[in-house]
């Protein structure tokens, strides 16, 4: 999605003032390209459509923030990019969503037989990256990423300070990222997003 279609200034002005017909025009103009952009990252058509629905809803709800002196398409692109990476960060904290995205990535190329093998390989890499961590870092990382506990909750669970938890998480993320850079190949960007805080 290098560019979005140009929307006439009067349509944008009407959208900013709350004109639903103008919003419908923007919706129809941007929907498919936004789905393509988001889908190229999340690798799942259904998820992409959900994210884009959220993006366009935000465009409507925050229409008063539209600056007529700045490119409207750039503003929408920024909302789409942020919404997409917010979704990927949510995946990092939800085990069921992790499994969903692993499968979606593998089936993206339409090769189910190979996908099952790739899924096992990438999941193995993720597990191996965690297994190389020192025991306390491993506990902290797992409680954060698998169980979605906050730093304060982890501190209470392990009987350590929240500052110590932060230090363990920082060290664990460095180690896991380093492992991915060495072993993850072409899927490195996605894997790094999955572990981002």
Protein backbone atom coordinates (compact mmCIF):
# COMPACT_ATOMS: atom_id res chain seq x y z
CA UNK A 1 0.00 0.00 0.00
CA UNK A 2 2.38 2.70 -1.23
CA UNK A 3 -0.51 5.09 -1.90
CA UNK A 4 -4.17 5.30 -1.12
CA UNK A 5 -6.67 6.72 -3.62
CA UNK A 6 -6.97 10.50 -3.62
CA UNK A 7 -10.14 11.69 -1.92
CA UNK A 8 -11.47 15.08 -2.95
CA UNK A 9 -10.93 17.85 -0.37
CA UNK A 10 -14.66 18.57 -0.19
CA UNK A 11 -15.32 14.92 0.74
CA UNK A 12 -12.74 15.12 3.52
CA UNK A 13 -14.24 18.40 4.74
CA UNK A 14 -17.71 16.83 4.81
CA UNK A 15 -16.34 13.78 6.65
CA UNK A 16 -14.73 16.05 9.23
CA UNK A 17 -18.10 17.72 9.82
CA UNK A 18 -19.82 14.36 10.35
CA UNK A 19 -21.32 13.66 6.93
CA UNK A 20 -22.09 9.92 6.80
CA UNK A 21 -22.26 9.88 2.99
CA UNK A 22 -18.73 11.30 2.84
CA UNK A 23 -17.57 8.59 5.24
CA UNK A 24 -19.17 5.95 3.01
CA UNK A 25 -17.16 7.33 0.09
CA UNK A 26 -13.91 7.15 2.05
CA UNK A 27 -14.81 3.66 3.26
CA UNK A 28 -15.40 2.39 -0.28
CA UNK A 29 -12.25 4.08 -1.58
CA UNK A 30 -9.87 2.76 1.08
CA UNK A 31 -11.26 -0.57 2.28
CA UNK A 32 -9.64 -3.00 -0.19
CA UNK A 33 -6.19 -1.40 -0.19
CA UNK A 34 -6.16 -1.26 3.59
CA UNK A 35 -7.11 -4.96 3.70
CA UNK A 36 -4.21 -5.73 1.36
CA UNK A 37 -1.78 -3.73 3.51
CA UNK A 38 -2.88 -5.24 6.82
CA UNK A 39 -3.15 -8.72 5.31
CA UNK A 40 0.43 -8.55 4.05
CA UNK A 41 1.50 -8.30 7.69
CA UNK A 42 -0.96 -10.48 9.63
CA UNK A 43 -1.22 -13.17 6.88
CA UNK A 44 -4.89 -13.79 7.56
CA UNK A 45 -7.73 -12.34 5.47
CA UNK A 46 -10.32 -12.57 8.24
CA UNK A 47 -8.03 -10.85 10.75
CA UNK A 48 -7.09 -8.19 8.20
CA UNK A 49 -10.75 -7.41 7.60
CA UNK A 50 -11.38 -7.09 11.34
CA UNK A 51 -8.41 -4.76 11.78
CA UNK A 52 -9.50 -2.61 8.82
CA UNK A 53 -13.03 -2.37 10.22
CA UNK A 54 -11.45 -1.07 13.41
CA UNK A 55 -9.25 1.36 11.46
CA UNK A 56 -12.16 2.84 9.53
CA UNK A 57 -14.25 3.05 12.69
CA UNK A 58 -11.43 5.07 14.26
CA UNK A 59 -11.36 7.34 11.21
CA UNK A 60 -15.04 8.10 11.81
CA UNK A 61 -14.79 8.46 15.59
CA UNK A 62 -11.73 10.71 15.38
CA UNK A 63 -12.79 12.67 12.32
CA UNK A 64 -12.53 15.94 14.26
CA UNK A 65 -8.76 15.34 14.39
CA UNK A 66 -8.45 15.49 10.59
CA UNK A 67 -6.09 18.32 9.67
CA UNK A 68 -7.14 19.78 6.31
CA UNK A 69 -3.61 21.11 5.82
CA UNK A 70 -2.01 17.66 6.05
CA UNK A 71 -2.35 14.61 3.75
CA UNK A 72 -5.48 12.69 4.72
CA UNK A 73 -4.12 9.42 3.30
CA UNK A 74 -1.03 9.65 5.50
CA UNK A 75 -3.23 10.07 8.59
CA UNK A 76 -5.26 6.97 7.65
CA UNK A 77 -2.08 4.99 6.91
CA UNK A 78 -0.74 5.86 10.35
CA UNK A 79 -3.94 4.63 12.01
CA UNK A 80 -3.77 1.40 9.97
CA UNK A 81 -0.13 0.77 10.80
CA UNK A 82 -0.66 1.38 14.52
CA UNK A 83 -3.77 -0.81 14.63
CA UNK A 84 -1.94 -3.64 12.87
CA UNK A 85 1.00 -3.64 15.24
CA UNK A 86 -1.29 -3.26 18.25
CA UNK A 87 -2.93 -6.48 17.06
CA UNK A 88 0.44 -8.23 16.77
CA UNK A 89 1.42 -7.08 20.25
CA UNK A 90 -1.86 -8.53 21.52
CA UNK A 91 -0.89 -11.81 19.88
CA UNK A 92 2.34 -11.78 21.86
CA UNK A 93 0.31 -11.82 25.07
CA UNK A 94 -2.32 -14.37 24.06
CA UNK A 95 -1.34 -17.99 23.52
CA UNK A 96 -4.41 -18.90 21.46
CA UNK A 97 -3.75 -15.96 19.16
CA UNK A 98 -0.11 -17.00 18.87
CA UNK A 99 -1.24 -20.38 17.59
CA UNK A 100 -3.67 -18.70 15.18
CA UNK A 101 -0.99 -16.47 13.68
CA UNK A 102 1.51 -19.34 13.40
CA UNK A 103 -1.03 -21.31 11.37
CA UNK A 104 -2.05 -18.28 9.31
CA UNK A 105 1.55 -17.57 8.35
CA UNK A 106 2.15 -21.12 7.22
CA UNK A 107 -1.05 -21.46 5.20
CA UNK A 108 -0.56 -18.04 3.60
CA UNK A 109 1.24 -19.59 0.63
CA UNK A 110 -1.53 -22.13 0.10
CA UNK A 111 0.67 -25.17 0.74
CA UNK A 112 -1.00 -27.12 3.58
CA UNK A 113 1.42 -30.04 3.52
CA UNK A 114 4.49 -27.85 3.82
CA UNK A 115 2.71 -25.54 6.23
CA UNK A 116 2.36 -28.20 8.89
CA UNK A 117 6.11 -28.77 8.73
CA UNK A 118 6.88 -25.05 8.83
CA UNK A 119 4.55 -24.49 11.75
CA UNK A 120 6.38 -27.13 13.78
CA UNK A 121 9.73 -25.65 12.83
CA UNK A 122 8.88 -22.05 13.75
CA UNK A 123 7.12 -23.12 16.92
CA UNK A 124 10.21 -25.19 17.78
CA UNK A 125 12.41 -22.12 17.26
CA UNK A 126 10.20 -20.08 19.57
CA UNK A 127 10.33 -22.75 22.27
CA UNK A 128 14.08 -23.23 21.88
CA UNK A 129 14.66 -19.49 22.18
CA UNK A 130 12.85 -19.55 25.52
CA UNK A 131 14.59 -22.73 26.70
CA UNK A 132 18.07 -21.20 26.43
CA UNK A 133 17.22 -18.52 28.97
CA UNK A 134 18.46 -18.80 32.56
CA UNK A 135 15.76 -20.30 34.84
CA UNK A 136 14.58 -17.05 36.40
CA UNK A 137 14.49 -15.19 33.08
CA UNK A 138 12.58 -18.11 31.59
CA UNK A 139 9.98 -17.95 34.36
CA UNK A 140 9.55 -14.20 33.99
CA UNK A 141 9.32 -14.37 30.19
CA UNK A 142 6.79 -17.22 30.28
CA UNK A 143 4.61 -15.53 32.88
CA UNK A 144 4.62 -12.35 30.80
CA UNK A 145 4.18 -13.77 27.31
CA UNK A 146 2.21 -16.98 27.88
CA UNK A 147 0.16 -16.03 30.94
CA UNK A 148 -0.07 -12.27 30.18
CA UNK A 149 0.83 -11.22 33.73
CA UNK A 150 1.93 -7.67 34.43
CA UNK A 151 5.35 -6.94 35.92
CA UNK A 152 3.74 -6.31 39.32
CA UNK A 153 1.84 -9.61 39.14
CA UNK A 154 5.01 -11.49 38.18
CA UNK A 155 6.89 -9.85 41.04
CA UNK A 156 4.21 -11.01 43.48
CA UNK A 157 4.17 -14.52 41.98
CA UNK A 158 7.95 -14.97 42.19
CA UNK A 159 8.59 -12.97 45.35
CA UNK A 160 10.91 -10.46 43.66
CA UNK A 161 10.72 -6.73 42.99
CA UNK A 162 9.01 -5.27 39.90
CA UNK A 163 12.35 -3.67 39.00
CA UNK A 164 14.00 -7.10 39.02
CA UNK A 165 11.21 -8.38 36.77
CA UNK A 166 11.87 -5.54 34.32
CA UNK A 167 15.58 -6.35 34.29
CA UNK A 168 14.90 -10.05 33.65
CA UNK A 169 12.46 -9.21 30.84
CA UNK A 170 14.92 -6.84 29.20
CA UNK A 171 17.68 -9.45 29.31
CA UNK A 172 15.34 -12.20 28.10
CA UNK A 173 14.15 -10.15 25.13
CA UNK A 174 17.73 -9.41 24.09
CA UNK A 175 18.60 -13.12 24.26
CA UNK A 176 15.49 -14.27 22.38
CA UNK A 177 15.92 -11.65 19.66
CA UNK A 178 19.55 -12.67 19.25
CA UNK A 179 18.47 -16.30 18.87
CA UNK A 180 15.89 -15.37 16.23
CA UNK A 181 18.41 -13.31 14.27
CA UNK A 182 20.61 -16.39 14.06
CA UNK A 183 17.95 -19.02 13.33
CA UNK A 184 14.68 -17.48 12.07
CA UNK A 185 15.59 -16.62 8.49
CA UNK A 186 12.94 -14.83 6.41
CA UNK A 187 10.34 -14.90 9.21
CA UNK A 188 12.52 -12.80 11.54
CA UNK A 189 10.36 -9.62 11.32
CA UNK A 190 7.19 -11.44 12.34
CA UNK A 191 8.91 -13.37 15.12
CA UNK A 192 10.40 -10.18 16.51
CA UNK A 193 6.96 -8.55 16.55
CA UNK A 194 5.58 -11.54 18.44
CA UNK A 195 7.98 -10.95 21.33
CA UNK A 196 7.88 -7.15 21.39
CA UNK A 197 6.52 -5.57 24.56
